[in-house]
Amino acid sequence: MFRKILRNILQCYPFKITHIQELVPADLPKREAFTLQFLARMEVDNAWTWEILWTDEAHFHLQGFVNTQNCRIWTRENPFQIQPLPLHSQKVTVWCGFTTALIVDPFFFEEICPSGPVTYTV
């Protein structure tokens, strides 16, 4: 009923908040340099990417984090709402990696200090 009122009468639509990593001006030259080095290496040997250890990390935030799967903003126009997150908030970090030949088991990075949990960026 509530959804019908918002949608049909008030002509509002649900929009999700988009999380983005907060970037600083010093990040752009580093990203450009890496991209150029990666492309130059691929021109020399296209198969070298098979030897890379591909990794990723996931951060499980302990407070102040909006779950965008369950959060919608109802409005007539898309507000393009974003929520910048600080790079070093309190969280538990989980890291895993793989190559073409193996998968590296996940590792959990967290240390409990008197001031609370301290996490690491891998």
PDB file of N, CA and C in Angstrom:
ATOM      1  N   MET A   1       0.827  -1.191   0.000  1.00  0.00           N
ATOM      2  CA  MET A   1       0.000   0.000   0.000  1.00  0.00           C
ATOM      3  C   MET A   1       0.875   1.260   0.000  1.00  0.00           C
ATOM      4  N   PHE A   2       1.828   1.313   0.922  1.00  0.00           N
ATOM      5  CA  PHE A   2       2.723   2.458   1.012  1.00  0.00           C
ATOM      6  C   PHE A   2       3.514   2.641  -0.281  1.00  0.00           C
ATOM      7  N   ARG A   3       4.000   1.519  -0.824  1.00  0.00           N
ATOM      8  CA  ARG A   3       4.763   1.561  -2.077  1.00  0.00           C
ATOM      9  C   ARG A   3       3.894   2.083  -3.220  1.00  0.00           C
ATOM     10  N   LYS A   4       2.634   1.675  -3.277  1.00  0.00           N
ATOM     11  CA  LYS A   4       1.722   2.137  -4.332  1.00  0.00           C
ATOM     12  C   LYS A   4       1.473   3.641  -4.236  1.00  0.00           C
ATOM     13  N   ILE A   5       1.337   4.159  -3.020  1.00  0.00           N
ATOM     14  CA  ILE A   5       1.127   5.594  -2.829  1.00  0.00           C
ATOM     15  C   ILE A   5       2.356   6.365  -3.314  1.00  0.00           C
ATOM     16  N   LEU A   6       3.532   5.904  -2.884  1.00  0.00           N
ATOM     17  CA  LEU A   6       4.764   6.580  -3.304  1.00  0.00           C
ATOM     18  C   LEU A   6       4.924   6.554  -4.819  1.00  0.00           C
ATOM     19  N   ARG A   7       4.643   5.405  -5.410  1.00  0.00           N
ATOM     20  CA  ARG A   7       4.903   5.235  -6.842  1.00  0.00           C
ATOM     21  C   ARG A   7       3.805   5.861  -7.706  1.00  0.00           C
ATOM     22  N   ASN A   8       2.555   5.547  -7.446  1.00  0.00           N
ATOM     23  CA  ASN A   8       1.460   5.956  -8.326  1.00  0.00           C
ATOM     24  C   ASN A   8       0.946   7.375  -8.062  1.00  0.00           C
ATOM     25  N   ILE A   9       0.836   7.748  -6.806  1.00  0.00           N
ATOM     26  CA  ILE A   9       0.262   9.051  -6.490  1.00  0.00           C
ATOM     27  C   ILE A   9       1.345  10.136  -6.434  1.00  0.00           C
ATOM     28  N   LEU A  10       2.412   9.881  -5.686  1.00  0.00           N
ATOM     29  CA  LEU A  10       3.466  10.874  -5.528  1.00  0.00           C
ATOM     30  C   LEU A  10       4.528  10.792  -6.624  1.00  0.00           C
ATOM     31  N   GLN A  11       4.465   9.766  -7.441  1.00  0.00           N
ATOM     32  CA  GLN A  11       5.402   9.525  -8.541  1.00  0.00           C
ATOM     33  C   GLN A  11       6.850   9.540  -8.067  1.00  0.00           C
ATOM     34  N   CYS A  12       7.097   8.841  -6.970  1.00  0.00           N
ATOM     35  CA  CYS A  12       8.450   8.674  -6.441  1.00  0.00           C
ATOM     36  C   CYS A  12       8.952   7.288  -6.809  1.00  0.00           C
ATOM     37  N   TYR A  13      10.260   7.166  -6.961  1.00  0.00           N
ATOM     38  CA  TYR A  13      10.867   5.905  -7.347  1.00  0.00           C
ATOM     39  C   TYR A  13      12.013   5.592  -6.395  1.00  0.00           C
ATOM     40  N   PRO A  14      12.306   4.314  -6.160  1.00  0.00           N
ATOM     41  CA  PRO A  14      13.387   3.964  -5.232  1.00  0.00           C
ATOM     42  C   PRO A  14      14.754   4.064  -5.905  1.00  0.00           C
ATOM     43  N   PHE A  15      15.708   4.702  -5.233  1.00  0.00           N
ATOM     44  CA  PHE A  15      17.075   4.809  -5.722  1.00  0.00           C
ATOM     45  C   PHE A  15      18.023   4.334  -4.640  1.00  0.00           C
ATOM     46  N   LYS A  16      19.082   3.647  -5.050  1.00  0.00           N
ATOM     47  CA  LYS A  16      20.073   3.139  -4.114  1.00  0.00           C
ATOM     48  C   LYS A  16      21.188   4.161  -3.913  1.00  0.00           C
ATOM     49  N   ILE A  17      21.767   4.152  -2.707  1.00  0.00           N
ATOM     50  CA  ILE A  17      22.955   4.939  -2.421  1.00  0.00           C
ATOM     51  C   ILE A  17      24.146   4.199  -3.034  1.00  0.00           C
ATOM     52  N   THR A  18      25.025   4.924  -3.690  1.00  0.00           N
ATOM     53  CA  THR A  18      26.210   4.331  -4.291  1.00  0.00           C
ATOM     54  C   THR A  18      27.426   4.616  -3.422  1.00  0.00           C
ATOM     55  N   HIS A  19      28.145   3.557  -3.034  1.00  0.00           N
ATOM     56  CA  HIS A  19      29.369   3.741  -2.264  1.00  0.00           C
ATOM     57  C   HIS A  19      30.538   3.900  -3.229  1.00  0.00           C
ATOM     58  N   ILE A  20      31.370   4.867  -2.944  1.00  0.00           N
ATOM     59  CA  ILE A  20      32.572   5.067  -3.742  1.00  0.00           C
ATOM     60  C   ILE A  20      33.753   5.208  -2.795  1.00  0.00           C
ATOM     61  N   GLN A  21      34.929   4.823  -3.273  1.00  0.00           N
ATOM     62  CA  GLN A  21      36.113   5.017  -2.446  1.00  0.00           C
ATOM     63  C   GLN A  21      36.551   6.463  -2.557  1.00  0.00           C
ATOM     64  N   GLU A  22      36.840   7.037  -1.428  1.00  0.00           N
ATOM     65  CA  GLU A  22      37.279   8.424  -1.389  1.00  0.00           C
ATOM     66  C   GLU A  22      38.674   8.515  -2.016  1.00  0.00           C
ATOM     67  N   LEU A  23      38.816   9.336  -3.056  1.00  0.00           N
ATOM     68  CA  LEU A  23      40.096   9.519  -3.733  1.00  0.00           C
ATOM     69  C   LEU A  23      40.652  10.901  -3.435  1.00  0.00           C
ATOM     70  N   VAL A  24      41.960  10.980  -3.342  1.00  0.00           N
ATOM     71  CA  VAL A  24      42.623  12.264  -3.125  1.00  0.00           C
ATOM     72  C   VAL A  24      43.349  12.643  -4.416  1.00  0.00           C
ATOM     73  N   PRO A  25      43.662  13.919  -4.609  1.00  0.00           N
ATOM     74  CA  PRO A  25      44.299  14.348  -5.860  1.00  0.00           C
ATOM     75  C   PRO A  25      45.593  13.601  -6.199  1.00  0.00           C
ATOM     76  N   ALA A  26      46.337  13.129  -5.203  1.00  0.00           N
ATOM     77  CA  ALA A  26      47.598  12.424  -5.459  1.00  0.00           C
ATOM     78  C   ALA A  26      47.371  11.040  -6.074  1.00  0.00           C
ATOM     79  N   ASP A  27      46.147  10.528  -6.042  1.00  0.00           N
ATOM     80  CA  ASP A  27      45.861   9.192  -6.579  1.00  0.00           C
ATOM     81  C   ASP A  27      45.893   9.142  -8.103  1.00  0.00           C
ATOM     82  N   LEU A  28      45.496  10.208  -8.777  1.00  0.00           N
ATOM     83  CA  LEU A  28      45.380  10.192 -10.239  1.00  0.00           C
ATOM     84  C   LEU A  28      46.698   9.889 -10.947  1.00  0.00           C
ATOM     85  N   PRO A  29      47.814  10.561 -10.637  1.00  0.00           N
ATOM     86  CA  PRO A  29      49.068  10.233 -11.329  1.00  0.00           C
ATOM     87  C   PRO A  29      49.525   8.795 -11.094  1.00  0.00           C
ATOM     88  N   LYS A  30      49.294   8.266  -9.895  1.00  0.00           N
ATOM     89  CA  LYS A  30      49.677   6.881  -9.596  1.00  0.00           C
ATOM     90  C   LYS A  30      48.867   5.904 -10.442  1.00  0.00           C
ATOM     91  N   ARG A  31      47.575   6.149 -10.578  1.00  0.00           N
ATOM     92  CA  ARG A  31      46.718   5.271 -11.377  1.00  0.00           C
ATOM     93  C   ARG A  31      47.091   5.325 -12.856  1.00  0.00           C
ATOM     94  N   GLU A  32      47.373   6.528 -13.352  1.00  0.00           N
ATOM     95  CA  GLU A  32      47.766   6.669 -14.758  1.00  0.00           C
ATOM     96  C   GLU A  32      49.082   5.957 -15.036  1.00  0.00           C
ATOM     97  N   ALA A  33      50.062   6.091 -14.134  1.00  0.00           N
ATOM     98  CA  ALA A  33      51.362   5.451 -14.315  1.00  0.00           C
ATOM     99  C   ALA A  33      51.220   3.928 -14.330  1.00  0.00           C
ATOM    100  N   PHE A  34      50.418   3.384 -13.413  1.00  0.00           N
ATOM    101  CA  PHE A  34      50.215   1.941 -13.384  1.00  0.00           C
ATOM    102  C   PHE A  34      49.569   1.451 -14.676  1.00  0.00           C
ATOM    103  N   THR A  35      48.561   2.155 -15.152  1.00  0.00           N
ATOM    104  CA  THR A  35      47.861   1.755 -16.372  1.00  0.00           C
ATOM    105  C   THR A  35      48.802   1.735 -17.570  1.00  0.00           C
ATOM    106  N   LEU A  36      49.626   2.749 -17.690  1.00  0.00           N
ATOM    107  CA  LEU A  36      50.570   2.805 -18.802  1.00  0.00           C
ATOM    108  C   LEU A  36      51.607   1.681 -18.720  1.00  0.00           C
ATOM    109  N   GLN A  37      52.099   1.371 -17.516  1.00  0.00           N
ATOM    110  CA  GLN A  37      53.054   0.273 -17.345  1.00  0.00           C
ATOM    111  C   GLN A  37      52.411  -1.072 -17.685  1.00  0.00           C
ATOM    112  N   PHE A  38      51.177  -1.271 -17.252  1.00  0.00           N
ATOM    113  CA  PHE A  38      50.460  -2.520 -17.519  1.00  0.00           C
ATOM    114  C   PHE A  38      50.273  -2.719 -19.022  1.00  0.00           C
ATOM    115  N   LEU A  39      49.824  -1.686 -19.727  1.00  0.00           N
ATOM    116  CA  LEU A  39      49.600  -1.797 -21.167  1.00  0.00           C
ATOM    117  C   LEU A  39      50.907  -2.008 -21.925  1.00  0.00           C
ATOM    118  N   ALA A  40      51.982  -1.340 -21.499  1.00  0.00           N
ATOM    119  CA  ALA A  40      53.277  -1.524 -22.153  1.00  0.00           C
ATOM    120  C   ALA A  40      53.775  -2.948 -21.978  1.00  0.00           C
ATOM    121  N   ARG A  41      53.580  -3.519 -20.811  1.00  0.00           N
ATOM    122  CA  ARG A  41      54.012  -4.905 -20.561  1.00  0.00           C
ATOM    123  C   ARG A  41      53.212  -5.885 -21.408  1.00  0.00           C
ATOM    124  N   MET A  42      51.914  -5.621 -21.587  1.00  0.00           N
ATOM    125  CA  MET A  42      51.074  -6.511 -22.400  1.00  0.00           C
ATOM    126  C   MET A  42      51.490  -6.471 -23.869  1.00  0.00           C
ATOM    127  N   GLU A  43      51.988  -5.347 -24.348  1.00  0.00           N
ATOM    128  CA  GLU A  43      52.452  -5.264 -25.734  1.00  0.00           C
ATOM    129  C   GLU A  43      53.685  -6.130 -25.960  1.00  0.00           C
ATOM    130  N   VAL A  44      54.529  -6.260 -24.929  1.00  0.00           N
ATOM    131  CA  VAL A  44      55.744  -7.070 -25.033  1.00  0.00           C
ATOM    132  C   VAL A  44      55.415  -8.555 -24.923  1.00  0.00           C
ATOM    133  N   ASP A  45      54.612  -8.930 -23.905  1.00  0.00           N
ATOM    134  CA  ASP A  45      54.274 -10.342 -23.662  1.00  0.00           C
ATOM    135  C   ASP A  45      52.833 -10.417 -23.161  1.00  0.00           C
ATOM    136  N   ASN A  46      51.940 -10.807 -24.052  1.00  0.00           N
ATOM    137  CA  ASN A  46      50.518 -10.854 -23.714  1.00  0.00           C
ATOM    138  C   ASN A  46      50.190 -11.969 -22.724  1.00  0.00           C
ATOM    139  N   ALA A  47      51.027 -13.008 -22.616  1.00  0.00           N
ATOM    140  CA  ALA A  47      50.746 -14.147 -21.730  1.00  0.00           C
ATOM    141  C   ALA A  47      51.197 -13.912 -20.294  1.00  0.00           C
ATOM    142  N   TRP A  48      51.884 -12.828 -20.001  1.00  0.00           N
ATOM    143  CA  TRP A  48      52.397 -12.614 -18.641  1.00  0.00           C
ATOM    144  C   TRP A  48      51.286 -12.452 -17.611  1.00  0.00           C
ATOM    145  N   THR A  49      50.079 -12.085 -18.051  1.00  0.00           N
ATOM    146  CA  THR A  49      48.971 -11.922 -17.092  1.00  0.00           C
ATOM    147  C   THR A  49      48.581 -13.248 -16.448  1.00  0.00           C
ATOM    148  N   TRP A  50      48.926 -14.381 -17.081  1.00  0.00           N
ATOM    149  CA  TRP A  50      48.628 -15.699 -16.505  1.00  0.00           C
ATOM    150  C   TRP A  50      49.492 -15.983 -15.281  1.00  0.00           C
ATOM    151  N   GLU A  51      50.561 -15.226 -15.081  1.00  0.00           N
ATOM    152  CA  GLU A  51      51.476 -15.440 -13.957  1.00  0.00           C
ATOM    153  C   GLU A  51      51.185 -14.510 -12.779  1.00  0.00           C
ATOM    154  N   ILE A  52      50.177 -13.695 -12.891  1.00  0.00           N
ATOM    155  CA  ILE A  52      49.868 -12.719 -11.842  1.00  0.00           C
ATOM    156  C   ILE A  52      49.072 -13.383 -10.716  1.00  0.00           C
ATOM    157  N   LEU A  53      49.398 -13.003  -9.495  1.00  0.00           N
ATOM    158  CA  LEU A  53      48.589 -13.382  -8.344  1.00  0.00           C
ATOM    159  C   LEU A  53      47.507 -12.316  -8.205  1.00  0.00           C
ATOM    160  N   TRP A  54      46.280 -12.671  -8.574  1.00  0.00           N
ATOM    161  CA  TRP A  54      45.156 -11.732  -8.498  1.00  0.00           C
ATOM    162  C   TRP A  54      44.601 -11.795  -7.080  1.00  0.00           C
ATOM    163  N   THR A  55      44.428 -10.634  -6.459  1.00  0.00           N
ATOM    164  CA  THR A  55      43.961 -10.602  -5.077  1.00  0.00           C
ATOM    165  C   THR A  55      42.819  -9.618  -4.918  1.00  0.00           C
ATOM    166  N   ASP A  56      42.100  -9.790  -3.833  1.00  0.00           N
ATOM    167  CA  ASP A  56      41.066  -8.838  -3.472  1.00  0.00           C
ATOM    168  C   ASP A  56      40.874  -8.890  -1.978  1.00  0.00           C
ATOM    169  N   GLU A  57      40.327  -7.843  -1.460  1.00  0.00           N
ATOM    170  CA  GLU A  57      40.029  -7.791  -0.044  1.00  0.00           C
ATOM    171  C   GLU A  57      38.611  -7.282   0.140  1.00  0.00           C
ATOM    172  N   ALA A  58      37.981  -7.748   1.193  1.00  0.00           N
ATOM    173  CA  ALA A  58      36.639  -7.291   1.541  1.00  0.00           C
ATOM    174  C   ALA A  58      36.692  -6.728   2.949  1.00  0.00           C
ATOM    175  N   HIS A  59      36.008  -5.619   3.152  1.00  0.00           N
ATOM    176  CA  HIS A  59      35.984  -4.980   4.454  1.00  0.00           C
ATOM    177  C   HIS A  59      34.591  -5.136   5.052  1.00  0.00           C
ATOM    178  N   PHE A  60      34.542  -5.648   6.250  1.00  0.00           N
ATOM    179  CA  PHE A  60      33.295  -5.773   6.970  1.00  0.00           C
ATOM    180  C   PHE A  60      33.285  -4.691   8.043  1.00  0.00           C
ATOM    181  N   HIS A  61      32.517  -3.643   7.793  1.00  0.00           N
ATOM    182  CA  HIS A  61      32.507  -2.465   8.661  1.00  0.00           C
ATOM    183  C   HIS A  61      31.801  -2.764   9.969  1.00  0.00           C
ATOM    184  N   LEU A  62      32.351  -2.211  11.044  1.00  0.00           N
ATOM    185  CA  LEU A  62      31.813  -2.463  12.376  1.00  0.00           C
ATOM    186  C   LEU A  62      30.774  -1.440  12.797  1.00  0.00           C
ATOM    187  N   GLN A  63      30.755  -0.267  12.136  1.00  0.00           N
ATOM    188  CA  GLN A  63      29.765   0.749  12.507  1.00  0.00           C
ATOM    189  C   GLN A  63      29.630   1.781  11.399  1.00  0.00           C
ATOM    190  N   GLY A  64      28.504   2.442  11.354  1.00  0.00           N
ATOM    191  CA  GLY A  64      28.306   3.567  10.461  1.00  0.00           C
ATOM    192  C   GLY A  64      28.270   3.236   8.979  1.00  0.00           C
ATOM    193  N   PHE A  65      27.872   2.057   8.615  1.00  0.00           N
ATOM    194  CA  PHE A  65      27.872   1.653   7.210  1.00  0.00           C
ATOM    195  C   PHE A  65      26.439   1.380   6.771  1.00  0.00           C
ATOM    196  N   VAL A  66      26.033   1.940   5.640  1.00  0.00           N
ATOM    197  CA  VAL A  66      24.682   1.739   5.130  1.00  0.00           C
ATOM    198  C   VAL A  66      24.680   0.550   4.179  1.00  0.00           C
ATOM    199  N   ASN A  67      23.832  -0.432   4.447  1.00  0.00           N
ATOM    200  CA  ASN A  67      23.696  -1.575   3.557  1.00  0.00           C
ATOM    201  C   ASN A  67      22.802  -1.157   2.398  1.00  0.00           C
ATOM    202  N   THR A  68      23.386  -0.937   1.226  1.00  0.00           N
ATOM    203  CA  THR A  68      22.612  -0.433   0.092  1.00  0.00           C
ATOM    204  C   THR A  68      21.641  -1.462  -0.466  1.00  0.00           C
ATOM    205  N   GLN A  69      21.775  -2.719  -0.078  1.00  0.00           N
ATOM    206  CA  GLN A  69      20.815  -3.716  -0.539  1.00  0.00           C
ATOM    207  C   GLN A  69      19.448  -3.501   0.106  1.00  0.00           C
ATOM    208  N   ASN A  70      19.430  -2.903   1.292  1.00  0.00           N
ATOM    209  CA  ASN A  70      18.181  -2.723   2.025  1.00  0.00           C
ATOM    210  C   ASN A  70      17.747  -1.268   2.136  1.00  0.00           C
ATOM    211  N   CYS A  71      18.465  -0.352   1.550  1.00  0.00           N
ATOM    212  CA  CYS A  71      18.189   1.076   1.702  1.00  0.00           C
ATOM    213  C   CYS A  71      17.787   1.682   0.370  1.00  0.00           C
ATOM    214  N   ARG A  72      16.658   2.385   0.336  1.00  0.00           N
ATOM    215  CA  ARG A  72      16.203   3.084  -0.864  1.00  0.00           C
ATOM    216  C   ARG A  72      15.805   4.498  -0.490  1.00  0.00           C
ATOM    217  N   ILE A  73      16.066   5.417  -1.398  1.00  0.00           N
ATOM    218  CA  ILE A  73      15.628   6.803  -1.246  1.00  0.00           C
ATOM    219  C   ILE A  73      14.480   7.001  -2.225  1.00  0.00           C
ATOM    220  N   TRP A  74      13.309   7.361  -1.705  1.00  0.00           N
ATOM    221  CA  TRP A  74      12.137   7.553  -2.559  1.00  0.00           C
ATOM    222  C   TRP A  74      12.032   9.024  -2.932  1.00  0.00           C
ATOM    223  N   THR A  75      12.096   9.312  -4.220  1.00  0.00           N
ATOM    224  CA  THR A  75      11.996  10.686  -4.707  1.00  0.00           C
ATOM    225  C   THR A  75      11.587  10.676  -6.173  1.00  0.00           C
ATOM    226  N   ARG A  76      11.193  11.818  -6.699  1.00  0.00           N
ATOM    227  CA  ARG A  76      10.745  11.899  -8.094  1.00  0.00           C
ATOM    228  C   ARG A  76      11.905  11.835  -9.083  1.00  0.00           C
ATOM    229  N   GLU A  77      13.049  12.380  -8.709  1.00  0.00           N
ATOM    230  CA  GLU A  77      14.213  12.361  -9.588  1.00  0.00           C
ATOM    231  C   GLU A  77      15.368  11.687  -8.868  1.00  0.00           C
ATOM    232  N   ASN A  78      16.212  11.018  -9.636  1.00  0.00           N
ATOM    233  CA  ASN A  78      17.356  10.340  -9.052  1.00  0.00           C
ATOM    234  C   ASN A  78      18.300  11.367  -8.432  1.00  0.00           C
ATOM    235  N   PRO A  79      18.519  11.299  -7.121  1.00  0.00           N
ATOM    236  CA  PRO A  79      19.388  12.285  -6.481  1.00  0.00           C
ATOM    237  C   PRO A  79      20.873  11.968  -6.668  1.00  0.00           C
ATOM    238  N   PHE A  80      21.177  10.834  -7.282  1.00  0.00           N
ATOM    239  CA  PHE A  80      22.553  10.379  -7.443  1.00  0.00           C
ATOM    240  C   PHE A  80      23.288  10.489  -6.113  1.00  0.00           C
ATOM    241  N   GLN A  81      22.626   9.974  -5.087  1.00  0.00           N
ATOM    242  CA  GLN A  81      23.146  10.039  -3.726  1.00  0.00           C
ATOM    243  C   GLN A  81      24.342   9.102  -3.595  1.00  0.00           C
ATOM    244  N   ILE A  82      25.445   9.631  -3.106  1.00  0.00           N
ATOM    245  CA  ILE A  82      26.617   8.820  -2.843  1.00  0.00           C
ATOM    246  C   ILE A  82      26.994   8.982  -1.387  1.00  0.00           C
ATOM    247  N   GLN A  83      27.682   7.996  -0.875  1.00  0.00           N
ATOM    248  CA  GLN A  83      28.137   8.051   0.506  1.00  0.00           C
ATOM    249  C   GLN A  83      29.639   7.792   0.517  1.00  0.00           C
ATOM    250  N   PRO A  84      30.457   8.852   0.531  1.00  0.00           N
ATOM    251  CA  PRO A  84      31.901   8.641   0.606  1.00  0.00           C
ATOM    252  C   PRO A  84      32.270   7.967   1.924  1.00  0.00           C
ATOM    253  N   LEU A  85      33.128   6.989   1.855  1.00  0.00           N
ATOM    254  CA  LEU A  85      33.572   6.285   3.048  1.00  0.00           C
ATOM    255  C   LEU A  85      35.033   6.620   3.322  1.00  0.00           C
ATOM    256  N   PRO A  86      35.372   6.842   4.579  1.00  0.00           N
ATOM    257  CA  PRO A  86      36.787   7.069   4.882  1.00  0.00           C
ATOM    258  C   PRO A  86      37.579   5.802   4.593  1.00  0.00           C
ATOM    259  N   LEU A  87      38.817   5.967   4.197  1.00  0.00           N
ATOM    260  CA  LEU A  87      39.643   4.828   3.826  1.00  0.00           C
ATOM    261  C   LEU A  87      39.965   3.937   5.013  1.00  0.00           C
ATOM    262  N   HIS A  88      40.062   4.510   6.212  1.00  0.00           N
ATOM    263  CA  HIS A  88      40.474   3.734   7.377  1.00  0.00           C
ATOM    264  C   HIS A  88      39.422   3.749   8.480  1.00  0.00           C
ATOM    265  N   SER A  89      38.225   3.248   8.197  1.00  0.00           N
ATOM    266  CA  SER A  89      37.214   3.135   9.239  1.00  0.00           C
ATOM    267  C   SER A  89      37.414   1.810   9.973  1.00  0.00           C
ATOM    268  N   GLN A  90      36.755   1.650  11.121  1.00  0.00           N
ATOM    269  CA  GLN A  90      36.875   0.407  11.884  1.00  0.00           C
ATOM    270  C   GLN A  90      36.183  -0.717  11.121  1.00  0.00           C
ATOM    271  N   LYS A  91      36.951  -1.776  10.852  1.00  0.00           N
ATOM    272  CA  LYS A  91      36.408  -2.890  10.091  1.00  0.00           C
ATOM    273  C   LYS A  91      37.312  -4.097  10.238  1.00  0.00           C
ATOM    274  N   VAL A  92      36.797  -5.239   9.831  1.00  0.00           N
ATOM    275  CA  VAL A  92      37.585  -6.459   9.724  1.00  0.00           C
ATOM    276  C   VAL A  92      37.872  -6.651   8.243  1.00  0.00           C
ATOM    277  N   THR A  93      39.128  -6.898   7.910  1.00  0.00           N
ATOM    278  CA  THR A  93      39.530  -7.058   6.521  1.00  0.00           C
ATOM    279  C   THR A  93      39.798  -8.532   6.234  1.00  0.00           C
ATOM    280  N   VAL A  94      39.233  -9.039   5.134  1.00  0.00           N
ATOM    281  CA  VAL A  94      39.458 -10.417   4.700  1.00  0.00           C
ATOM    282  C   VAL A  94      40.121 -10.361   3.332  1.00  0.00           C
ATOM    283  N   TRP A  95      41.234 -11.107   3.167  1.00  0.00           N
ATOM    284  CA  TRP A  95      42.009 -11.105   1.925  1.00  0.00           C
ATOM    285  C   TRP A  95      42.068 -12.516   1.346  1.00  0.00           C
ATOM    286  N   CYS A  96      42.010 -12.596   0.016  1.00  0.00           N
ATOM    287  CA  CYS A  96      42.124 -13.879  -0.679  1.00  0.00           C
ATOM    288  C   CYS A  96      42.790 -13.614  -2.029  1.00  0.00           C
ATOM    289  N   GLY A  97      43.439 -14.615  -2.590  1.00  0.00           N
ATOM    290  CA  GLY A  97      44.094 -14.457  -3.879  1.00  0.00           C
ATOM    291  C   GLY A  97      44.026 -15.731  -4.696  1.00  0.00           C
ATOM    292  N   PHE A  98      44.308 -15.611  -6.000  1.00  0.00           N
ATOM    293  CA  PHE A  98      44.345 -16.795  -6.851  1.00  0.00           C
ATOM    294  C   PHE A  98      45.247 -16.553  -8.051  1.00  0.00           C
ATOM    295  N   THR A  99      45.742 -17.644  -8.603  1.00  0.00           N
ATOM    296  CA  THR A  99      46.471 -17.627  -9.866  1.00  0.00           C
ATOM    297  C   THR A  99      45.751 -18.620 -10.774  1.00  0.00           C
ATOM    298  N   THR A 100      46.333 -18.892 -11.924  1.00  0.00           N
ATOM    299  CA  THR A 100      45.726 -19.892 -12.809  1.00  0.00           C
ATOM    300  C   THR A 100      45.873 -21.286 -12.233  1.00  0.00           C
ATOM    301  N   ALA A 101      46.792 -21.483 -11.267  1.00  0.00           N
ATOM    302  CA  ALA A 101      47.065 -22.815 -10.736  1.00  0.00           C
ATOM    303  C   ALA A 101      46.539 -23.051  -9.326  1.00  0.00           C
ATOM    304  N   LEU A 102      46.326 -22.003  -8.520  1.00  0.00           N
ATOM    305  CA  LEU A 102      45.928 -22.238  -7.133  1.00  0.00           C
ATOM    306  C   LEU A 102      45.103 -21.096  -6.581  1.00  0.00           C
ATOM    307  N   ILE A 103      44.406 -21.406  -5.472  1.00  0.00           N
ATOM    308  CA  ILE A 103      43.644 -20.406  -4.724  1.00  0.00           C
ATOM    309  C   ILE A 103      44.270 -20.288  -3.344  1.00  0.00           C
ATOM    310  N   VAL A 104      44.576 -19.082  -2.932  1.00  0.00           N
ATOM    311  CA  VAL A 104      45.146 -18.842  -1.610  1.00  0.00           C
ATOM    312  C   VAL A 104      43.991 -18.669  -0.635  1.00  0.00           C
ATOM    313  N   ASP A 105      44.035 -19.428   0.467  1.00  0.00           N
ATOM    314  CA  ASP A 105      42.955 -19.358   1.464  1.00  0.00           C
ATOM    315  C   ASP A 105      42.789 -17.938   1.993  1.00  0.00           C
ATOM    316  N   PRO A 106      41.580 -17.603   2.452  1.00  0.00           N
ATOM    317  CA  PRO A 106      41.372 -16.256   2.990  1.00  0.00           C
ATOM    318  C   PRO A 106      42.137 -16.038   4.293  1.00  0.00           C
ATOM    319  N   PHE A 107      42.586 -14.812   4.471  1.00  0.00           N
ATOM    320  CA  PHE A 107      43.244 -14.383   5.698  1.00  0.00           C
ATOM    321  C   PHE A 107      42.417 -13.258   6.305  1.00  0.00           C
ATOM    322  N   PHE A 108      42.324 -13.253   7.641  1.00  0.00           N
ATOM    323  CA  PHE A 108      41.573 -12.229   8.354  1.00  0.00           C
ATOM    324  C   PHE A 108      42.567 -11.308   9.058  1.00  0.00           C
ATOM    325  N   PHE A 109      42.414  -9.992   8.861  1.00  0.00           N
ATOM    326  CA  PHE A 109      43.328  -9.015   9.430  1.00  0.00           C
ATOM    327  C   PHE A 109      42.584  -8.136  10.423  1.00  0.00           C
ATOM    328  N   GLU A 110      42.905  -8.326  11.702  1.00  0.00           N
ATOM    329  CA  GLU A 110      42.315  -7.499  12.750  1.00  0.00           C
ATOM    330  C   GLU A 110      43.161  -7.662  14.001  1.00  0.00           C
ATOM    331  N   GLU A 111      43.333  -6.591  14.731  1.00  0.00           N
ATOM    332  CA  GLU A 111      44.040  -6.630  15.998  1.00  0.00           C
ATOM    333  C   GLU A 111      43.216  -5.848  17.007  1.00  0.00           C
ATOM    334  N   ILE A 112      42.985  -6.430  18.161  1.00  0.00           N
ATOM    335  CA  ILE A 112      42.205  -5.757  19.196  1.00  0.00           C
ATOM    336  C   ILE A 112      43.164  -4.959  20.082  1.00  0.00           C
ATOM    337  N   CYS A 113      42.964  -3.656  20.139  1.00  0.00           N
ATOM    338  CA  CYS A 113      43.758  -2.757  20.973  1.00  0.00           C
ATOM    339  C   CYS A 113      42.864  -2.188  22.072  1.00  0.00           C
ATOM    340  N   PRO A 114      43.433  -1.544  23.071  1.00  0.00           N
ATOM    341  CA  PRO A 114      42.614  -0.943  24.123  1.00  0.00           C
ATOM    342  C   PRO A 114      41.582   0.050  23.590  1.00  0.00           C
ATOM    343  N   SER A 115      41.921   0.727  22.496  1.00  0.00           N
ATOM    344  CA  SER A 115      40.983   1.712  21.918  1.00  0.00           C
ATOM    345  C   SER A 115      39.943   1.044  20.996  1.00  0.00           C
ATOM    346  N   GLY A 116      40.056  -0.257  20.769  1.00  0.00           N
ATOM    347  CA  GLY A 116      39.116  -0.974  19.908  1.00  0.00           C
ATOM    348  C   GLY A 116      39.842  -1.703  18.794  1.00  0.00           C
ATOM    349  N   PRO A 117      39.082  -2.315  17.879  1.00  0.00           N
ATOM    350  CA  PRO A 117      39.719  -3.081  16.786  1.00  0.00           C
ATOM    351  C   PRO A 117      40.495  -2.177  15.834  1.00  0.00           C
ATOM    352  N   VAL A 118      41.644  -2.645  15.412  1.00  0.00           N
ATOM    353  CA  VAL A 118      42.468  -1.954  14.434  1.00  0.00           C
ATOM    354  C   VAL A 118      42.603  -2.898  13.246  1.00  0.00           C
ATOM    355  N   THR A 119      42.336  -2.400  12.053  1.00  0.00           N
ATOM    356  CA  THR A 119      42.420  -3.254  10.873  1.00  0.00           C
ATOM    357  C   THR A 119      43.507  -2.746   9.939  1.00  0.00           C
ATOM    358  N   TYR A 120      43.806  -3.551   8.965  1.00  0.00           N
ATOM    359  CA  TYR A 120      44.892  -3.258   8.043  1.00  0.00           C
ATOM    360  C   TYR A 120      44.363  -3.261   6.621  1.00  0.00           C
ATOM    361  N   THR A 121      44.962  -2.431   5.766  1.00  0.00           N
ATOM    362  CA  THR A 121      44.709  -2.503   4.350  1.00  0.00           C
ATOM    363  C   THR A 121      45.803  -3.379   3.760  1.00  0.00           C
ATOM    364  N   VAL A 122      45.406  -4.414   3.072  1.00  0.00           N
ATOM    365  CA  VAL A 122      46.369  -5.384   2.550  1.00  0.00           C
ATOM    366  C   VAL A 122      46.967  -4.855   1.267  1.00  0.00           C
TER     367      VAL A 122
END
